[in-house]
Amino acid sequence: MKFEQPLIEGVLVNRYKRFFADVQLPNGDIITAHCANSGSMLSVKDVGARVWVSPATNPERKLRYTWEIIEIYGGLVGINTGHPNRLVADAIAVGKIVELAGYESLKREQKYGKNSRIDILLESPGKPPCYVEVKNVTLKRAAGPDAPAEFPDSVTERGAKHLIEMTEMVKTGARAVMVYLVQRGDCTLFTVAADLDPTYARGLKTAMAAGVEAVCYSCEVSPGGITIAMALTLDLPT
């Protein structure tokens, strides 16, 4: 995925009210950017860190910039939760996520469960449908390649609900796969932040015991774009 417009570098002044971030530009101006991430952003909101924002293409938009990337531990992290579904869909289409290869049809945002939408639905004649739920991962609580990427970064009732609905899909004979997309390239291991959300950790253990699958991929992040890089080792509750 390439960014439509060249990104603008700045310094993070503050992230507040979940959806706003003040950024100081090289000329000294401070702009307010949209923060497309409703999570706690634990470990990826350090004041004074280098960040990159994208300019809005819609002249009518109130906030003229969107926060896209932050530099943490010397590496770049994509924080925009609007990108992972597209990144995963594009990677599936070219066979980069091998666990999800071999399906003829890929549909996004399809209704399923109780008033929910699945991120990606894969179908092929003669195969059970495959329901794919994508989770954006940014959390890493220490520097170095041995420190794992973690999900979630705070309590996620919505995430726990998705695990239950994915389990229900397995019971109907369908395939259900959780894809944890790490928008950073400085990790080789993925785990669940059970201390931050023990309910989610228990829910994932129950879901996987019932047949829900889990895979995790990292990303190469740069001011030019974001691409899926490699599969990470899973260290999940058993």
Protein backbone atom coordinates (compact mmCIF):
# COMPACT_ATOMS: atom_id res chain seq x y z
CA MET A 1 0.00 0.00 0.00
CA LYS A 2 1.48 3.32 -1.08
CA PHE A 3 0.40 6.59 0.47
CA GLU A 4 -1.54 8.72 -1.98
CA GLN A 5 0.35 11.89 -1.05
CA PRO A 6 3.89 12.38 0.28
CA LEU A 7 3.90 12.28 4.07
CA ILE A 8 4.99 15.25 6.14
CA GLU A 9 7.40 14.73 9.02
CA GLY A 10 6.88 16.36 12.41
CA VAL A 11 7.18 15.86 16.15
CA LEU A 12 4.35 14.59 18.36
CA VAL A 13 3.22 17.23 20.85
CA ASN A 14 0.20 15.44 22.29
CA ARG A 15 -2.41 12.79 21.54
CA TYR A 16 -5.75 13.50 23.22
CA LYS A 17 -9.47 12.75 23.16
CA ARG A 18 -8.56 9.53 21.30
CA PHE A 19 -8.95 11.02 17.83
CA PHE A 20 -6.73 14.11 17.92
CA ALA A 21 -2.97 14.62 17.81
CA ASP A 22 -1.04 17.90 17.87
CA VAL A 23 2.10 17.77 15.72
CA GLN A 24 4.84 20.35 15.37
CA LEU A 25 6.06 20.74 11.80
CA PRO A 26 9.68 21.59 10.85
CA ASN A 27 8.75 25.26 10.38
CA GLY A 28 7.52 25.44 13.96
CA ASP A 29 3.80 25.43 13.17
CA ILE A 30 1.62 23.13 15.29
CA ILE A 31 -1.18 21.38 13.44
CA THR A 32 -3.97 19.14 14.72
CA ALA A 33 -4.17 15.80 12.90
CA HIS A 34 -6.83 13.13 12.94
CA CYS A 35 -5.72 10.10 14.96
CA ALA A 36 -7.36 7.10 13.29
CA ASN A 37 -6.85 4.83 16.27
CA SER A 38 -9.34 4.50 19.12
CA GLY A 39 -7.13 2.25 21.26
CA SER A 40 -4.98 3.30 24.19
CA MET A 41 -1.92 3.43 21.88
CA LEU A 42 0.22 2.21 24.75
CA SER A 43 3.91 2.35 23.70
CA VAL A 44 3.25 4.34 20.50
CA LYS A 45 2.32 7.84 21.66
CA ASP A 46 5.58 9.17 23.12
CA VAL A 47 5.64 12.96 23.24
CA GLY A 48 8.62 14.26 21.27
CA ALA A 49 8.76 11.26 18.94
CA ARG A 50 9.12 11.73 15.20
CA VAL A 51 5.84 11.25 13.39
CA TRP A 52 4.55 11.47 9.83
CA VAL A 53 1.16 12.79 8.75
CA SER A 54 -0.67 12.58 5.44
CA PRO A 55 -2.39 15.64 3.93
CA ALA A 56 -6.11 15.35 3.28
CA THR A 57 -7.20 15.02 -0.32
CA ASN A 58 -10.70 16.31 0.46
CA PRO A 59 -10.61 20.13 0.66
CA GLU A 60 -13.82 20.11 2.73
CA ARG A 61 -12.41 17.97 5.52
CA LYS A 62 -12.17 19.75 8.87
CA LEU A 63 -8.84 18.23 9.91
CA ARG A 64 -6.35 18.69 7.11
CA TYR A 65 -3.96 15.94 8.21
CA THR A 66 -4.04 12.31 9.37
CA TRP A 67 -1.42 10.82 11.66
CA GLU A 68 0.08 7.77 9.93
CA ILE A 69 3.45 6.74 11.46
CA ILE A 70 5.50 7.17 14.63
CA GLU A 71 9.15 6.33 15.27
CA ILE A 72 9.62 4.16 18.39
CA TYR A 73 12.80 2.30 19.45
CA GLY A 74 14.40 3.50 16.22
CA GLY A 75 11.79 1.81 14.01
CA LEU A 76 8.64 3.00 12.31
CA VAL A 77 5.14 1.97 13.43
CA GLY A 78 1.93 2.48 11.46
CA ILE A 79 -0.82 3.63 13.83
CA ASN A 80 -3.70 4.17 11.39
CA THR A 81 -6.30 1.43 11.99
CA GLY A 82 -7.95 2.25 8.67
CA HIS A 83 -5.21 0.41 6.74
CA PRO A 84 -4.97 -3.19 8.05
CA ASN A 85 -8.08 -4.58 6.32
CA ARG A 86 -6.87 -3.32 2.95
CA LEU A 87 -3.32 -4.53 3.61
CA VAL A 88 -4.53 -8.03 4.49
CA ALA A 89 -6.97 -8.18 1.56
CA ASP A 90 -4.24 -7.14 -0.89
CA ALA A 91 -1.82 -9.67 0.59
CA ILE A 92 -4.37 -12.48 0.34
CA ALA A 93 -5.04 -11.57 -3.29
CA VAL A 94 -1.38 -12.06 -4.23
CA GLY A 95 -0.88 -15.16 -2.08
CA LYS A 96 1.37 -13.54 0.51
CA ILE A 97 -0.65 -14.90 3.45
CA VAL A 98 -0.18 -18.56 2.68
CA GLU A 99 -2.66 -19.73 5.31
CA LEU A 100 -5.43 -17.98 3.35
CA ALA A 101 -4.41 -18.88 -0.20
CA GLY A 102 -6.54 -20.83 -2.65
CA TYR A 103 -9.90 -19.05 -2.50
CA GLU A 104 -11.58 -17.71 -5.64
CA SER A 105 -13.67 -14.96 -4.06
CA LEU A 106 -12.75 -12.25 -1.56
CA LYS A 107 -15.44 -9.97 -0.17
CA ARG A 108 -15.05 -7.29 2.46
CA GLU A 109 -17.41 -6.09 5.19
CA GLN A 110 -19.96 -8.89 4.88
CA LYS A 111 -22.78 -9.28 7.42
CA TYR A 112 -22.55 -12.25 9.77
CA GLY A 113 -23.37 -13.24 13.33
CA LYS A 114 -25.57 -10.89 15.32
CA ASN A 115 -25.50 -7.44 13.75
CA SER A 116 -21.79 -7.74 12.88
CA ARG A 117 -19.67 -7.55 9.76
CA ILE A 118 -16.72 -9.77 9.02
CA ASP A 119 -13.65 -7.97 7.72
CA ILE A 120 -13.02 -10.46 4.90
CA LEU A 121 -15.03 -13.41 3.60
CA LEU A 122 -13.23 -15.95 1.40
CA GLU A 123 -15.17 -18.43 -0.71
CA SER A 124 -14.53 -21.13 -3.29
CA PRO A 125 -16.74 -23.87 -4.74
CA GLY A 126 -16.39 -27.06 -2.76
CA LYS A 127 -14.79 -25.35 0.25
CA PRO A 128 -16.30 -24.14 3.49
CA PRO A 129 -16.45 -20.33 3.64
CA CYS A 130 -13.57 -18.71 5.51
CA TYR A 131 -14.32 -15.80 7.85
CA VAL A 132 -11.32 -13.54 8.45
CA GLU A 133 -11.19 -11.03 11.30
CA VAL A 134 -8.28 -8.55 11.15
CA LYS A 135 -6.82 -7.00 14.31
CA ASN A 136 -4.40 -4.09 14.20
CA VAL A 137 -1.35 -4.54 16.45
CA THR A 138 1.00 -1.74 17.51
CA LEU A 139 1.91 -2.62 21.11
CA LYS A 140 5.49 -3.54 21.99
CA ARG A 141 6.57 -2.76 25.53
CA ALA A 142 10.36 -3.05 25.25
CA ALA A 143 13.09 -2.47 22.70
CA GLY A 144 14.91 -5.28 20.93
CA PRO A 145 13.91 -8.15 18.64
CA ASP A 146 13.10 -10.48 21.55
CA ALA A 147 10.31 -8.26 22.88
CA PRO A 148 6.97 -9.48 21.48
CA ALA A 149 4.25 -7.59 19.72
CA GLU A 150 1.08 -7.78 21.81
CA PHE A 151 -2.67 -7.44 21.46
CA PRO A 152 -4.78 -5.82 22.78
CA ASP A 153 -3.35 -2.56 24.17
CA SER A 154 -6.37 -2.11 26.47
CA VAL A 155 -9.62 -3.88 27.35
CA THR A 156 -11.55 -4.70 24.18
CA GLU A 157 -15.12 -5.86 24.70
CA ARG A 158 -15.65 -5.67 20.94
CA GLY A 159 -12.71 -7.98 20.37
CA ALA A 160 -14.07 -10.50 22.86
CA LYS A 161 -17.43 -10.40 21.07
CA HIS A 162 -15.72 -11.14 17.76
CA LEU A 163 -14.09 -14.25 19.22
CA ILE A 164 -17.49 -15.58 20.27
CA GLU A 165 -18.96 -14.91 16.83
CA MET A 166 -16.02 -16.53 15.08
CA THR A 167 -16.50 -19.60 17.25
CA GLU A 168 -20.13 -19.73 16.18
CA MET A 169 -19.02 -19.74 12.53
CA VAL A 170 -16.79 -22.75 13.19
CA LYS A 171 -19.76 -24.56 14.70
CA THR A 172 -21.64 -24.12 11.40
CA GLY A 173 -18.81 -25.87 9.54
CA ALA A 174 -17.08 -22.72 8.32
CA ARG A 175 -13.44 -21.80 8.76
CA ALA A 176 -12.62 -18.80 10.97
CA VAL A 177 -9.21 -17.11 11.10
CA MET A 178 -7.94 -14.27 13.28
CA VAL A 179 -5.26 -12.26 11.48
CA TYR A 180 -3.17 -10.11 13.80
CA LEU A 181 -1.43 -7.50 11.67
CA VAL A 182 1.58 -5.92 13.35
CA GLN A 183 2.18 -2.52 11.75
CA ARG A 184 5.87 -2.58 12.62
CA GLY A 185 8.89 -4.59 11.55
CA ASP A 186 10.90 -4.93 14.78
CA CYS A 187 9.22 -8.08 16.13
CA THR A 188 9.58 -11.81 15.56
CA LEU A 189 7.10 -12.96 18.22
CA PHE A 190 3.45 -12.24 18.93
CA THR A 191 1.55 -12.82 22.17
CA VAL A 192 -1.61 -11.76 23.96
CA ALA A 193 -1.43 -8.98 26.56
CA ALA A 194 -3.25 -11.03 29.19
CA ASP A 195 -2.36 -8.58 31.94
CA LEU A 196 -4.13 -5.77 30.07
CA ASP A 197 -7.22 -7.79 29.14
CA PRO A 198 -7.47 -11.21 30.82
CA THR A 199 -10.98 -11.68 29.43
CA TYR A 200 -9.70 -11.43 25.85
CA ALA A 201 -6.86 -13.83 26.62
CA ARG A 202 -9.30 -16.41 28.00
CA GLY A 203 -11.64 -15.81 25.07
CA LEU A 204 -8.91 -16.44 22.51
CA LYS A 205 -7.88 -19.65 24.29
CA THR A 206 -11.48 -20.88 24.24
CA ALA A 207 -11.98 -19.87 20.60
CA MET A 208 -8.83 -21.63 19.42
CA ALA A 209 -9.77 -24.76 21.35
CA ALA A 210 -13.06 -24.69 19.41
CA GLY A 211 -11.27 -24.46 16.06
CA VAL A 212 -10.72 -20.76 15.43
CA GLU A 213 -7.30 -20.25 13.85
CA ALA A 214 -4.80 -17.43 14.44
CA VAL A 215 -1.97 -16.08 12.30
CA CYS A 216 0.21 -13.02 12.69
CA TYR A 217 2.21 -11.00 10.17
CA SER A 218 4.53 -8.03 10.55
CA CYS A 219 4.83 -5.08 8.19
CA GLU A 220 7.53 -3.04 6.53
CA VAL A 221 6.65 0.58 7.33
CA SER A 222 8.13 3.62 5.61
CA PRO A 223 6.96 7.15 4.70
CA GLY A 224 6.42 5.78 1.21
CA GLY A 225 3.99 3.04 2.19
CA ILE A 226 3.24 -0.09 4.21
CA THR A 227 3.52 -3.69 3.05
CA ILE A 228 3.06 -7.02 4.79
CA ALA A 229 6.46 -8.58 5.50
CA MET A 230 6.59 -11.96 7.26
CA ALA A 231 4.79 -14.36 9.56
CA LEU A 232 5.57 -14.06 13.27
CA THR A 233 5.91 -16.87 15.77
CA LEU A 234 2.82 -17.18 17.97
CA ASP A 235 3.05 -17.49 21.74
CA LEU A 236 -0.64 -17.85 22.59
CA PRO A 237 -2.57 -19.29 25.54
CA THR A 238 -3.09 -23.04 25.35
